[in-house]
Amino acid sequence: MIEDLFARSEGLGFLGLAFAFAATLALIVVVAREALGLARLAAIEKLHLRAAAVLASDDRAESRTIVQELLKLAHQNPHLARARTALQRHADDIIDGADMIRLAERE
């Protein structure tokens, strides 16, 4: 198609080439964003599995680690600012492991 545009007019050919380049760039950006989203979902799933294990074992140290990792994942989301503040406020409190996970789920 771009060859046909160049055959008609050099200007149309360059315009078609620019549109093809823009479409390719947009496709790359969309694929990269989706790949990052899937990687983030995989990280959240791993945290969820670890949190389920902490609920069963009531491991306090592991629950704090999970909450810190969860806060790192959510640090860019402005909708979670209040929840992050609440979790950070309670991070140093004496809370059982299972209760810390429940608090993180609630917030």
PDB file of N, CA and C in Angstrom:
ATOM      1  N   MET A   1       0.831  -1.182   0.000  1.00  0.00           N
ATOM      2  CA  MET A   1       0.000   0.000   0.000  1.00  0.00           C
ATOM      3  C   MET A   1       0.878   1.249   0.000  1.00  0.00           C
ATOM      4  N   ILE A   2       1.961   1.218   0.798  1.00  0.00           N
ATOM      5  CA  ILE A   2       2.842   2.382   0.848  1.00  0.00           C
ATOM      6  C   ILE A   2       3.534   2.577  -0.496  1.00  0.00           C
ATOM      7  N   GLU A   3       3.870   1.461  -1.167  1.00  0.00           N
ATOM      8  CA  GLU A   3       4.466   1.573  -2.505  1.00  0.00           C
ATOM      9  C   GLU A   3       3.494   2.238  -3.477  1.00  0.00           C
ATOM     10  N   ASP A   4       2.227   1.885  -3.362  1.00  0.00           N
ATOM     11  CA  ASP A   4       1.226   2.519  -4.226  1.00  0.00           C
ATOM     12  C   ASP A   4       1.122   4.017  -3.941  1.00  0.00           C
ATOM     13  N   LEU A   5       1.207   4.376  -2.673  1.00  0.00           N
ATOM     14  CA  LEU A   5       1.157   5.800  -2.328  1.00  0.00           C
ATOM     15  C   LEU A   5       2.381   6.531  -2.885  1.00  0.00           C
ATOM     16  N   PHE A   6       3.563   5.899  -2.794  1.00  0.00           N
ATOM     17  CA  PHE A   6       4.761   6.516  -3.363  1.00  0.00           C
ATOM     18  C   PHE A   6       4.630   6.632  -4.884  1.00  0.00           C
ATOM     19  N   ALA A   7       3.976   5.647  -5.510  1.00  0.00           N
ATOM     20  CA  ALA A   7       3.798   5.694  -6.963  1.00  0.00           C
ATOM     21  C   ALA A   7       2.908   6.871  -7.372  1.00  0.00           C
ATOM     22  N   ARG A   8       1.919   7.177  -6.546  1.00  0.00           N
ATOM     23  CA  ARG A   8       1.029   8.307  -6.862  1.00  0.00           C
ATOM     24  C   ARG A   8       1.720   9.641  -6.597  1.00  0.00           C
ATOM     25  N   SER A   9       2.334   9.734  -5.383  1.00  0.00           N
ATOM     26  CA  SER A   9       2.969  10.993  -5.019  1.00  0.00           C
ATOM     27  C   SER A   9       3.962  10.719  -3.900  1.00  0.00           C
ATOM     28  N   GLU A  10       5.079  11.385  -3.961  1.00  0.00           N
ATOM     29  CA  GLU A  10       6.099  11.194  -2.923  1.00  0.00           C
ATOM     30  C   GLU A  10       5.593  11.658  -1.559  1.00  0.00           C
ATOM     31  N   GLY A  11       4.844  12.728  -1.549  1.00  0.00           N
ATOM     32  CA  GLY A  11       4.278  13.252  -0.301  1.00  0.00           C
ATOM     33  C   GLY A  11       3.304  12.269   0.332  1.00  0.00           C
ATOM     34  N   LEU A  12       2.440  11.662  -0.492  1.00  0.00           N
ATOM     35  CA  LEU A  12       1.510  10.659   0.021  1.00  0.00           C
ATOM     36  C   LEU A  12       2.256   9.433   0.540  1.00  0.00           C
ATOM     37  N   GLY A  13       3.323   9.070  -0.140  1.00  0.00           N
ATOM     38  CA  GLY A  13       4.121   7.925   0.307  1.00  0.00           C
ATOM     39  C   GLY A  13       4.725   8.167   1.675  1.00  0.00           C
ATOM     40  N   PHE A  14       5.289   9.368   1.869  1.00  0.00           N
ATOM     41  CA  PHE A  14       5.871   9.683   3.185  1.00  0.00           C
ATOM     42  C   PHE A  14       4.789   9.790   4.263  1.00  0.00           C
ATOM     43  N   LEU A  15       3.629  10.298   3.883  1.00  0.00           N
ATOM     44  CA  LEU A  15       2.517  10.366   4.831  1.00  0.00           C
ATOM     45  C   LEU A  15       2.068   8.951   5.231  1.00  0.00           C
ATOM     46  N   GLY A  16       1.963   8.062   4.250  1.00  0.00           N
ATOM     47  CA  GLY A  16       1.612   6.669   4.540  1.00  0.00           C
ATOM     48  C   GLY A  16       2.667   5.997   5.391  1.00  0.00           C
ATOM     49  N   LEU A  17       3.927   6.280   5.115  1.00  0.00           N
ATOM     50  CA  LEU A  17       5.025   5.724   5.909  1.00  0.00           C
ATOM     51  C   LEU A  17       4.973   6.241   7.345  1.00  0.00           C
ATOM     52  N   ALA A  18       4.650   7.516   7.526  1.00  0.00           N
ATOM     53  CA  ALA A  18       4.536   8.087   8.869  1.00  0.00           C
ATOM     54  C   ALA A  18       3.382   7.442   9.632  1.00  0.00           C
ATOM     55  N   PHE A  19       2.249   7.235   8.943  1.00  0.00           N
ATOM     56  CA  PHE A  19       1.112   6.566   9.599  1.00  0.00           C
ATOM     57  C   PHE A  19       1.447   5.121   9.963  1.00  0.00           C
ATOM     58  N   ALA A  20       2.159   4.441   9.106  1.00  0.00           N
ATOM     59  CA  ALA A  20       2.552   3.055   9.393  1.00  0.00           C
ATOM     60  C   ALA A  20       3.504   3.012  10.586  1.00  0.00           C
ATOM     61  N   PHE A  21       4.419   3.957  10.642  1.00  0.00           N
ATOM     62  CA  PHE A  21       5.340   4.025  11.776  1.00  0.00           C
ATOM     63  C   PHE A  21       4.578   4.323  13.065  1.00  0.00           C
ATOM     64  N   ALA A  22       3.632   5.257  13.020  1.00  0.00           N
ATOM     65  CA  ALA A  22       2.841   5.601  14.210  1.00  0.00           C
ATOM     66  C   ALA A  22       2.010   4.405  14.676  1.00  0.00           C
ATOM     67  N   ALA A  23       1.432   3.675  13.727  1.00  0.00           N
ATOM     68  CA  ALA A  23       0.641   2.496  14.092  1.00  0.00           C
ATOM     69  C   ALA A  23       1.521   1.421  14.727  1.00  0.00           C
ATOM     70  N   THR A  24       2.714   1.231  14.181  1.00  0.00           N
ATOM     71  CA  THR A  24       3.650   0.250  14.746  1.00  0.00           C
ATOM     72  C   THR A  24       4.070   0.659  16.148  1.00  0.00           C
ATOM     73  N   LEU A  25       4.358   1.928  16.344  1.00  0.00           N
ATOM     74  CA  LEU A  25       4.748   2.420  17.665  1.00  0.00           C
ATOM     75  C   LEU A  25       3.601   2.251  18.668  1.00  0.00           C
ATOM     76  N   ALA A  26       2.380   2.553  18.232  1.00  0.00           N
ATOM     77  CA  ALA A  26       1.220   2.389  19.113  1.00  0.00           C
ATOM     78  C   ALA A  26       1.032   0.918  19.488  1.00  0.00           C
ATOM     79  N   LEU A  27       1.225   0.021  18.557  1.00  0.00           N
ATOM     80  CA  LEU A  27       1.120  -1.411  18.848  1.00  0.00           C
ATOM     81  C   LEU A  27       2.163  -1.842  19.860  1.00  0.00           C
ATOM     82  N   ILE A  28       3.380  -1.363  19.706  1.00  0.00           N
ATOM     83  CA  ILE A  28       4.449  -1.706  20.655  1.00  0.00           C
ATOM     84  C   ILE A  28       4.118  -1.194  22.048  1.00  0.00           C
ATOM     85  N   VAL A  29       3.595   0.021  22.131  1.00  0.00           N
ATOM     86  CA  VAL A  29       3.242   0.594  23.432  1.00  0.00           C
ATOM     87  C   VAL A  29       2.121  -0.203  24.093  1.00  0.00           C
ATOM     88  N   VAL A  30       1.114  -0.575  23.326  1.00  0.00           N
ATOM     89  CA  VAL A  30      -0.010  -1.340  23.882  1.00  0.00           C
ATOM     90  C   VAL A  30       0.462  -2.703  24.369  1.00  0.00           C
ATOM     91  N   VAL A  31       1.279  -3.369  23.575  1.00  0.00           N
ATOM     92  CA  VAL A  31       1.789  -4.692  23.972  1.00  0.00           C
ATOM     93  C   VAL A  31       2.654  -4.580  25.226  1.00  0.00           C
ATOM     94  N   ALA A  32       3.492  -3.558  25.301  1.00  0.00           N
ATOM     95  CA  ALA A  32       4.345  -3.378  26.480  1.00  0.00           C
ATOM     96  C   ALA A  32       3.515  -3.105  27.735  1.00  0.00           C
ATOM     97  N   ARG A  33       2.488  -2.263  27.616  1.00  0.00           N
ATOM     98  CA  ARG A  33       1.626  -1.983  28.779  1.00  0.00           C
ATOM     99  C   ARG A  33       0.896  -3.233  29.239  1.00  0.00           C
ATOM    100  N   GLU A  34       0.420  -4.031  28.307  1.00  0.00           N
ATOM    101  CA  GLU A  34      -0.277  -5.264  28.663  1.00  0.00           C
ATOM    102  C   GLU A  34       0.682  -6.252  29.322  1.00  0.00           C
ATOM    103  N   ALA A  35       1.901  -6.330  28.813  1.00  0.00           N
ATOM    104  CA  ALA A  35       2.893  -7.230  29.409  1.00  0.00           C
ATOM    105  C   ALA A  35       3.218  -6.799  30.834  1.00  0.00           C
ATOM    106  N   LEU A  36       3.363  -5.502  31.052  1.00  0.00           N
ATOM    107  CA  LEU A  36       3.618  -5.004  32.409  1.00  0.00           C
ATOM    108  C   LEU A  36       2.420  -5.274  33.319  1.00  0.00           C
ATOM    109  N   GLY A  37       1.223  -5.123  32.787  1.00  0.00           N
ATOM    110  CA  GLY A  37       0.020  -5.414  33.568  1.00  0.00           C
ATOM    111  C   GLY A  37      -0.060  -6.884  33.960  1.00  0.00           C
ATOM    112  N   LEU A  38       0.278  -7.763  33.037  1.00  0.00           N
ATOM    113  CA  LEU A  38       0.271  -9.190  33.345  1.00  0.00           C
ATOM    114  C   LEU A  38       1.347  -9.548  34.370  1.00  0.00           C
ATOM    115  N   ALA A  39       2.502  -8.907  34.269  1.00  0.00           N
ATOM    116  CA  ALA A  39       3.562  -9.144  35.253  1.00  0.00           C
ATOM    117  C   ALA A  39       3.118  -8.670  36.637  1.00  0.00           C
ATOM    118  N   ARG A  40       2.442  -7.545  36.678  1.00  0.00           N
ATOM    119  CA  ARG A  40       1.939  -7.045  37.959  1.00  0.00           C
ATOM    120  C   ARG A  40       0.876  -7.977  38.543  1.00  0.00           C
ATOM    121  N   LEU A  41      -0.010  -8.488  37.695  1.00  0.00           N
ATOM    122  CA  LEU A  41      -1.011  -9.446  38.158  1.00  0.00           C
ATOM    123  C   LEU A  41      -0.368 -10.720  38.689  1.00  0.00           C
ATOM    124  N   ALA A  42       0.697 -11.164  38.052  1.00  0.00           N
ATOM    125  CA  ALA A  42       1.414 -12.351  38.535  1.00  0.00           C
ATOM    126  C   ALA A  42       2.027 -12.087  39.902  1.00  0.00           C
ATOM    127  N   ALA A  43       2.586 -10.892  40.090  1.00  0.00           N
ATOM    128  CA  ALA A  43       3.163 -10.540  41.391  1.00  0.00           C
ATOM    129  C   ALA A  43       2.081 -10.482  42.466  1.00  0.00           C
ATOM    130  N   ILE A  44       0.924  -9.949  42.128  1.00  0.00           N
ATOM    131  CA  ILE A  44      -0.180  -9.879  43.088  1.00  0.00           C
ATOM    132  C   ILE A  44      -0.680 -11.279  43.426  1.00  0.00           C
ATOM    133  N   GLU A  45      -0.725 -12.160  42.439  1.00  0.00           N
ATOM    134  CA  GLU A  45      -1.167 -13.537  42.685  1.00  0.00           C
ATOM    135  C   GLU A  45      -0.200 -14.257  43.631  1.00  0.00           C
ATOM    136  N   LYS A  46       1.095 -14.034  43.437  1.00  0.00           N
ATOM    137  CA  LYS A  46       2.084 -14.636  44.344  1.00  0.00           C
ATOM    138  C   LYS A  46       1.906 -14.111  45.764  1.00  0.00           C
ATOM    139  N   LEU A  47       1.677 -12.797  45.888  1.00  0.00           N
ATOM    140  CA  LEU A  47       1.430 -12.222  47.215  1.00  0.00           C
ATOM    141  C   LEU A  47       0.172 -12.817  47.839  1.00  0.00           C
ATOM    142  N   HIS A  48      -0.844 -13.016  47.033  1.00  0.00           N
ATOM    143  CA  HIS A  48      -2.094 -13.585  47.533  1.00  0.00           C
ATOM    144  C   HIS A  48      -1.878 -15.003  48.060  1.00  0.00           C
ATOM    145  N   LEU A  49      -1.114 -15.795  47.333  1.00  0.00           N
ATOM    146  CA  LEU A  49      -0.827 -17.159  47.792  1.00  0.00           C
ATOM    147  C   LEU A  49      -0.019 -17.151  49.088  1.00  0.00           C
ATOM    148  N   ARG A  50       0.969 -16.251  49.152  1.00  0.00           N
ATOM    149  CA  ARG A  50       1.758 -16.149  50.388  1.00  0.00           C
ATOM    150  C   ARG A  50       0.892 -15.670  51.550  1.00  0.00           C
ATOM    151  N   ALA A  51      -0.029 -14.751  51.276  1.00  0.00           N
ATOM    152  CA  ALA A  51      -0.913 -14.248  52.330  1.00  0.00           C
ATOM    153  C   ALA A  51      -1.838 -15.351  52.835  1.00  0.00           C
ATOM    154  N   ALA A  52      -2.303 -16.209  51.944  1.00  0.00           N
ATOM    155  CA  ALA A  52      -3.144 -17.333  52.369  1.00  0.00           C
ATOM    156  C   ALA A  52      -2.361 -18.272  53.280  1.00  0.00           C
ATOM    157  N   ALA A  53      -1.091 -18.472  52.969  1.00  0.00           N
ATOM    158  CA  ALA A  53      -0.255 -19.317  53.825  1.00  0.00           C
ATOM    159  C   ALA A  53      -0.046 -18.671  55.188  1.00  0.00           C
ATOM    160  N   VAL A  54       0.096 -17.348  55.221  1.00  0.00           N
ATOM    161  CA  VAL A  54       0.274 -16.642  56.502  1.00  0.00           C
ATOM    162  C   VAL A  54      -1.004 -16.713  57.328  1.00  0.00           C
ATOM    163  N   LEU A  55      -2.152 -16.649  56.680  1.00  0.00           N
ATOM    164  CA  LEU A  55      -3.406 -16.776  57.428  1.00  0.00           C
ATOM    165  C   LEU A  55      -3.479 -18.121  58.140  1.00  0.00           C
ATOM    166  N   ALA A  56      -2.929 -19.144  57.518  1.00  0.00           N
ATOM    167  CA  ALA A  56      -2.942 -20.482  58.133  1.00  0.00           C
ATOM    168  C   ALA A  56      -1.877 -20.615  59.212  1.00  0.00           C
ATOM    169  N   SER A  57      -0.696 -20.019  58.983  1.00  0.00           N
ATOM    170  CA  SER A  57       0.417 -20.203  59.922  1.00  0.00           C
ATOM    171  C   SER A  57       0.525 -19.105  60.972  1.00  0.00           C
ATOM    172  N   ASP A  58      -0.078 -17.944  60.719  1.00  0.00           N
ATOM    173  CA  ASP A  58      -0.022 -16.790  61.629  1.00  0.00           C
ATOM    174  C   ASP A  58       1.414 -16.311  61.844  1.00  0.00           C
ATOM    175  N   ASP A  59       2.226 -16.326  60.784  1.00  0.00           N
ATOM    176  CA  ASP A  59       3.632 -15.899  60.845  1.00  0.00           C
ATOM    177  C   ASP A  59       3.701 -14.373  60.773  1.00  0.00           C
ATOM    178  N   ARG A  60       4.095 -13.766  61.880  1.00  0.00           N
ATOM    179  CA  ARG A  60       4.098 -12.303  61.992  1.00  0.00           C
ATOM    180  C   ARG A  60       5.141 -11.656  61.078  1.00  0.00           C
ATOM    181  N   ALA A  61       6.343 -12.206  61.029  1.00  0.00           N
ATOM    182  CA  ALA A  61       7.412 -11.620  60.206  1.00  0.00           C
ATOM    183  C   ALA A  61       7.057 -11.682  58.723  1.00  0.00           C
ATOM    184  N   GLU A  62       6.523 -12.798  58.286  1.00  0.00           N
ATOM    185  CA  GLU A  62       6.145 -12.946  56.879  1.00  0.00           C
ATOM    186  C   GLU A  62       4.995 -12.005  56.535  1.00  0.00           C
ATOM    187  N   SER A  63       4.063 -11.793  57.463  1.00  0.00           N
ATOM    188  CA  SER A  63       2.950 -10.880  57.181  1.00  0.00           C
ATOM    189  C   SER A  63       3.452  -9.452  56.992  1.00  0.00           C
ATOM    190  N   ARG A  64       4.426  -9.052  57.776  1.00  0.00           N
ATOM    191  CA  ARG A  64       5.000  -7.703  57.610  1.00  0.00           C
ATOM    192  C   ARG A  64       5.704  -7.570  56.261  1.00  0.00           C
ATOM    193  N   THR A  65       6.398  -8.636  55.857  1.00  0.00           N
ATOM    194  CA  THR A  65       7.067  -8.623  54.555  1.00  0.00           C
ATOM    195  C   THR A  65       6.047  -8.509  53.433  1.00  0.00           C
ATOM    196  N   ILE A  66       4.966  -9.247  53.536  1.00  0.00           N
ATOM    197  CA  ILE A  66       3.923  -9.206  52.518  1.00  0.00           C
ATOM    198  C   ILE A  66       3.292  -7.820  52.446  1.00  0.00           C
ATOM    199  N   VAL A  67       3.024  -7.228  53.594  1.00  0.00           N
ATOM    200  CA  VAL A  67       2.417  -5.894  53.613  1.00  0.00           C
ATOM    201  C   VAL A  67       3.364  -4.867  52.994  1.00  0.00           C
ATOM    202  N   GLN A  68       4.654  -4.965  53.287  1.00  0.00           N
ATOM    203  CA  GLN A  68       5.617  -4.031  52.687  1.00  0.00           C
ATOM    204  C   GLN A  68       5.667  -4.194  51.166  1.00  0.00           C
ATOM    205  N   GLU A  69       5.636  -5.434  50.689  1.00  0.00           N
ATOM    206  CA  GLU A  69       5.636  -5.669  49.247  1.00  0.00           C
ATOM    207  C   GLU A  69       4.342  -5.157  48.609  1.00  0.00           C
ATOM    208  N   LEU A  70       3.242  -5.323  49.312  1.00  0.00           N
ATOM    209  CA  LEU A  70       1.962  -4.815  48.819  1.00  0.00           C
ATOM    210  C   LEU A  70       1.980  -3.292  48.734  1.00  0.00           C
ATOM    211  N   LEU A  71       2.581  -2.650  49.724  1.00  0.00           N
ATOM    212  CA  LEU A  71       2.688  -1.189  49.696  1.00  0.00           C
ATOM    213  C   LEU A  71       3.565  -0.726  48.530  1.00  0.00           C
ATOM    214  N   LYS A  72       4.612  -1.491  48.227  1.00  0.00           N
ATOM    215  CA  LYS A  72       5.453  -1.140  47.080  1.00  0.00           C
ATOM    216  C   LYS A  72       4.678  -1.248  45.774  1.00  0.00           C
ATOM    217  N   LEU A  73       3.834  -2.269  45.674  1.00  0.00           N
ATOM    218  CA  LEU A  73       3.035  -2.433  44.458  1.00  0.00           C
ATOM    219  C   LEU A  73       2.003  -1.319  44.294  1.00  0.00           C
ATOM    220  N   ALA A  74       1.468  -0.833  45.402  1.00  0.00           N
ATOM    221  CA  ALA A  74       0.380   0.143  45.356  1.00  0.00           C
ATOM    222  C   ALA A  74       0.853   1.583  45.497  1.00  0.00           C
ATOM    223  N   HIS A  75       2.157   1.816  45.486  1.00  0.00           N
ATOM    224  CA  HIS A  75       2.648   3.168  45.783  1.00  0.00           C
ATOM    225  C   HIS A  75       2.292   4.204  44.721  1.00  0.00           C
ATOM    226  N   GLN A  76       1.997   3.795  43.493  1.00  0.00           N
ATOM    227  CA  GLN A  76       1.695   4.774  42.450  1.00  0.00           C
ATOM    228  C   GLN A  76       0.206   5.030  42.267  1.00  0.00           C
ATOM    229  N   ASN A  77      -0.621   4.266  42.932  1.00  0.00           N
ATOM    230  CA  ASN A  77      -2.062   4.413  42.752  1.00  0.00           C
ATOM    231  C   ASN A  77      -2.607   5.463  43.722  1.00  0.00           C
ATOM    232  N   PRO A  78      -3.037   6.631  43.231  1.00  0.00           N
ATOM    233  CA  PRO A  78      -3.512   7.682  44.137  1.00  0.00           C
ATOM    234  C   PRO A  78      -4.804   7.317  44.859  1.00  0.00           C
ATOM    235  N   HIS A  79      -5.576   6.376  44.309  1.00  0.00           N
ATOM    236  CA  HIS A  79      -6.832   5.964  44.949  1.00  0.00           C
ATOM    237  C   HIS A  79      -6.577   5.176  46.233  1.00  0.00           C
ATOM    238  N   LEU A  80      -5.364   4.671  46.389  1.00  0.00           N
ATOM    239  CA  LEU A  80      -5.038   3.857  47.567  1.00  0.00           C
ATOM    240  C   LEU A  80      -4.219   4.625  48.602  1.00  0.00           C
ATOM    241  N   ALA A  81      -4.158   5.935  48.507  1.00  0.00           N
ATOM    242  CA  ALA A  81      -3.329   6.732  49.417  1.00  0.00           C
ATOM    243  C   ALA A  81      -3.775   6.580  50.875  1.00  0.00           C
ATOM    244  N   ARG A  82      -5.072   6.644  51.107  1.00  0.00           N
ATOM    245  CA  ARG A  82      -5.568   6.511  52.481  1.00  0.00           C
ATOM    246  C   ARG A  82      -5.281   5.129  53.043  1.00  0.00           C
ATOM    247  N   ALA A  83      -5.472   4.115  52.233  1.00  0.00           N
ATOM    248  CA  ALA A  83      -5.214   2.740  52.681  1.00  0.00           C
ATOM    249  C   ALA A  83      -3.727   2.531  52.954  1.00  0.00           C
ATOM    250  N   ARG A  84      -2.868   3.081  52.091  1.00  0.00           N
ATOM    251  CA  ARG A  84      -1.415   2.964  52.322  1.00  0.00           C
ATOM    252  C   ARG A  84      -1.018   3.635  53.629  1.00  0.00           C
ATOM    253  N   THR A  85      -1.580   4.804  53.885  1.00  0.00           N
ATOM    254  CA  THR A  85      -1.273   5.523  55.128  1.00  0.00           C
ATOM    255  C   THR A  85      -1.720   4.722  56.341  1.00  0.00           C
ATOM    256  N   ALA A  86      -2.891   4.147  56.276  1.00  0.00           N
ATOM    257  CA  ALA A  86      -3.393   3.344  57.400  1.00  0.00           C
ATOM    258  C   ALA A  86      -2.518   2.122  57.630  1.00  0.00           C
ATOM    259  N   LEU A  87      -2.118   1.467  56.551  1.00  0.00           N
ATOM    260  CA  LEU A  87      -1.265   0.283  56.709  1.00  0.00           C
ATOM    261  C   LEU A  87       0.110   0.657  57.253  1.00  0.00           C
ATOM    262  N   GLN A  88       0.661   1.743  56.772  1.00  0.00           N
ATOM    263  CA  GLN A  88       1.978   2.171  57.263  1.00  0.00           C
ATOM    264  C   GLN A  88       1.902   2.581  58.732  1.00  0.00           C
ATOM    265  N   ARG A  89       0.776   3.163  59.118  1.00  0.00           N
ATOM    266  CA  ARG A  89       0.602   3.564  60.512  1.00  0.00           C
ATOM    267  C   ARG A  89       0.563   2.338  61.431  1.00  0.00           C
ATOM    268  N   HIS A  90      -0.009   1.238  60.961  1.00  0.00           N
ATOM    269  CA  HIS A  90      -0.144   0.037  61.780  1.00  0.00           C
ATOM    270  C   HIS A  90       1.001  -0.953  61.589  1.00  0.00           C
ATOM    271  N   ALA A  91       1.939  -0.667  60.691  1.00  0.00           N
ATOM    272  CA  ALA A  91       2.993  -1.629  60.365  1.00  0.00           C
ATOM    273  C   ALA A  91       3.863  -1.968  61.567  1.00  0.00           C
ATOM    274  N   ASP A  92       4.095  -1.031  62.461  1.00  0.00           N
ATOM    275  CA  ASP A  92       4.969  -1.288  63.601  1.00  0.00           C
ATOM    276  C   ASP A  92       4.208  -1.686  64.857  1.00  0.00           C
ATOM    277  N   ASP A  93       2.890  -1.752  64.774  1.00  0.00           N
ATOM    278  CA  ASP A  93       2.102  -2.179  65.924  1.00  0.00           C
ATOM    279  C   ASP A  93       2.293  -3.671  66.167  1.00  0.00           C
ATOM    280  N   ILE A  94       1.988  -4.089  67.370  1.00  0.00           N
ATOM    281  CA  ILE A  94       2.075  -5.504  67.699  1.00  0.00           C
ATOM    282  C   ILE A  94       0.764  -6.153  67.256  1.00  0.00           C
ATOM    283  N   ILE A  95       0.820  -6.758  66.088  1.00  0.00           N
ATOM    284  CA  ILE A  95      -0.354  -7.386  65.497  1.00  0.00           C
ATOM    285  C   ILE A  95       0.052  -8.785  65.052  1.00  0.00           C
ATOM    286  N   ASP A  96      -0.820  -9.758  65.280  1.00  0.00           N
ATOM    287  CA  ASP A  96      -0.558 -11.113  64.805  1.00  0.00           C
ATOM    288  C   ASP A  96      -0.454 -11.109  63.289  1.00  0.00           C
ATOM    289  N   GLY A  97       0.230 -12.114  62.760  1.00  0.00           N
ATOM    290  CA  GLY A  97       0.424 -12.205  61.318  1.00  0.00           C
ATOM    291  C   GLY A  97      -0.881 -12.272  60.554  1.00  0.00           C
ATOM    292  N   ALA A  98      -1.799 -13.119  61.007  1.00  0.00           N
ATOM    293  CA  ALA A  98      -3.080 -13.266  60.316  1.00  0.00           C
ATOM    294  C   ALA A  98      -3.886 -11.968  60.386  1.00  0.00           C
ATOM    295  N   ASP A  99      -3.831 -11.294  61.528  1.00  0.00           N
ATOM    296  CA  ASP A  99      -4.576 -10.032  61.664  1.00  0.00           C
ATOM    297  C   ASP A  99      -3.986  -8.941  60.775  1.00  0.00           C
ATOM    298  N   MET A 100      -2.659  -8.947  60.594  1.00  0.00           N
ATOM    299  CA  MET A 100      -2.022  -7.960  59.716  1.00  0.00           C
ATOM    300  C   MET A 100      -2.474  -8.175  58.274  1.00  0.00           C
ATOM    301  N   ILE A 101      -2.573  -9.431  57.857  1.00  0.00           N
ATOM    302  CA  ILE A 101      -3.045  -9.733  56.499  1.00  0.00           C
ATOM    303  C   ILE A 101      -4.503  -9.322  56.349  1.00  0.00           C
ATOM    304  N   ARG A 102      -5.315  -9.597  57.355  1.00  0.00           N
ATOM    305  CA  ARG A 102      -6.730  -9.204  57.292  1.00  0.00           C
ATOM    306  C   ARG A 102      -6.867  -7.681  57.223  1.00  0.00           C
ATOM    307  N   LEU A 103      -6.020  -6.967  57.973  1.00  0.00           N
ATOM    308  CA  LEU A 103      -6.037  -5.504  57.930  1.00  0.00           C
ATOM    309  C   LEU A 103      -5.668  -5.011  56.535  1.00  0.00           C
ATOM    310  N   ALA A 104      -4.654  -5.618  55.945  1.00  0.00           N
ATOM    311  CA  ALA A 104      -4.241  -5.227  54.603  1.00  0.00           C
ATOM    312  C   ALA A 104      -5.350  -5.508  53.583  1.00  0.00           C
ATOM    313  N   GLU A 105      -6.032  -6.632  53.716  1.00  0.00           N
ATOM    314  CA  GLU A 105      -7.147  -6.939  52.813  1.00  0.00           C
ATOM    315  C   GLU A 105      -8.288  -5.956  52.990  1.00  0.00           C
ATOM    316  N   ARG A 106      -8.578  -5.587  54.228  1.00  0.00           N
ATOM    317  CA  ARG A 106      -9.673  -4.662  54.483  1.00  0.00           C
ATOM    318  C   ARG A 106      -9.353  -3.270  53.926  1.00  0.00           C
ATOM    319  N   GLU A 107      -8.133  -2.827  54.138  1.00  0.00           N
ATOM    320  CA  GLU A 107      -7.742  -1.491  53.668  1.00  0.00           C
ATOM    321  C   GLU A 107      -7.614  -1.494  52.164  1.00  0.00           C
TER     322      GLU A 107
END
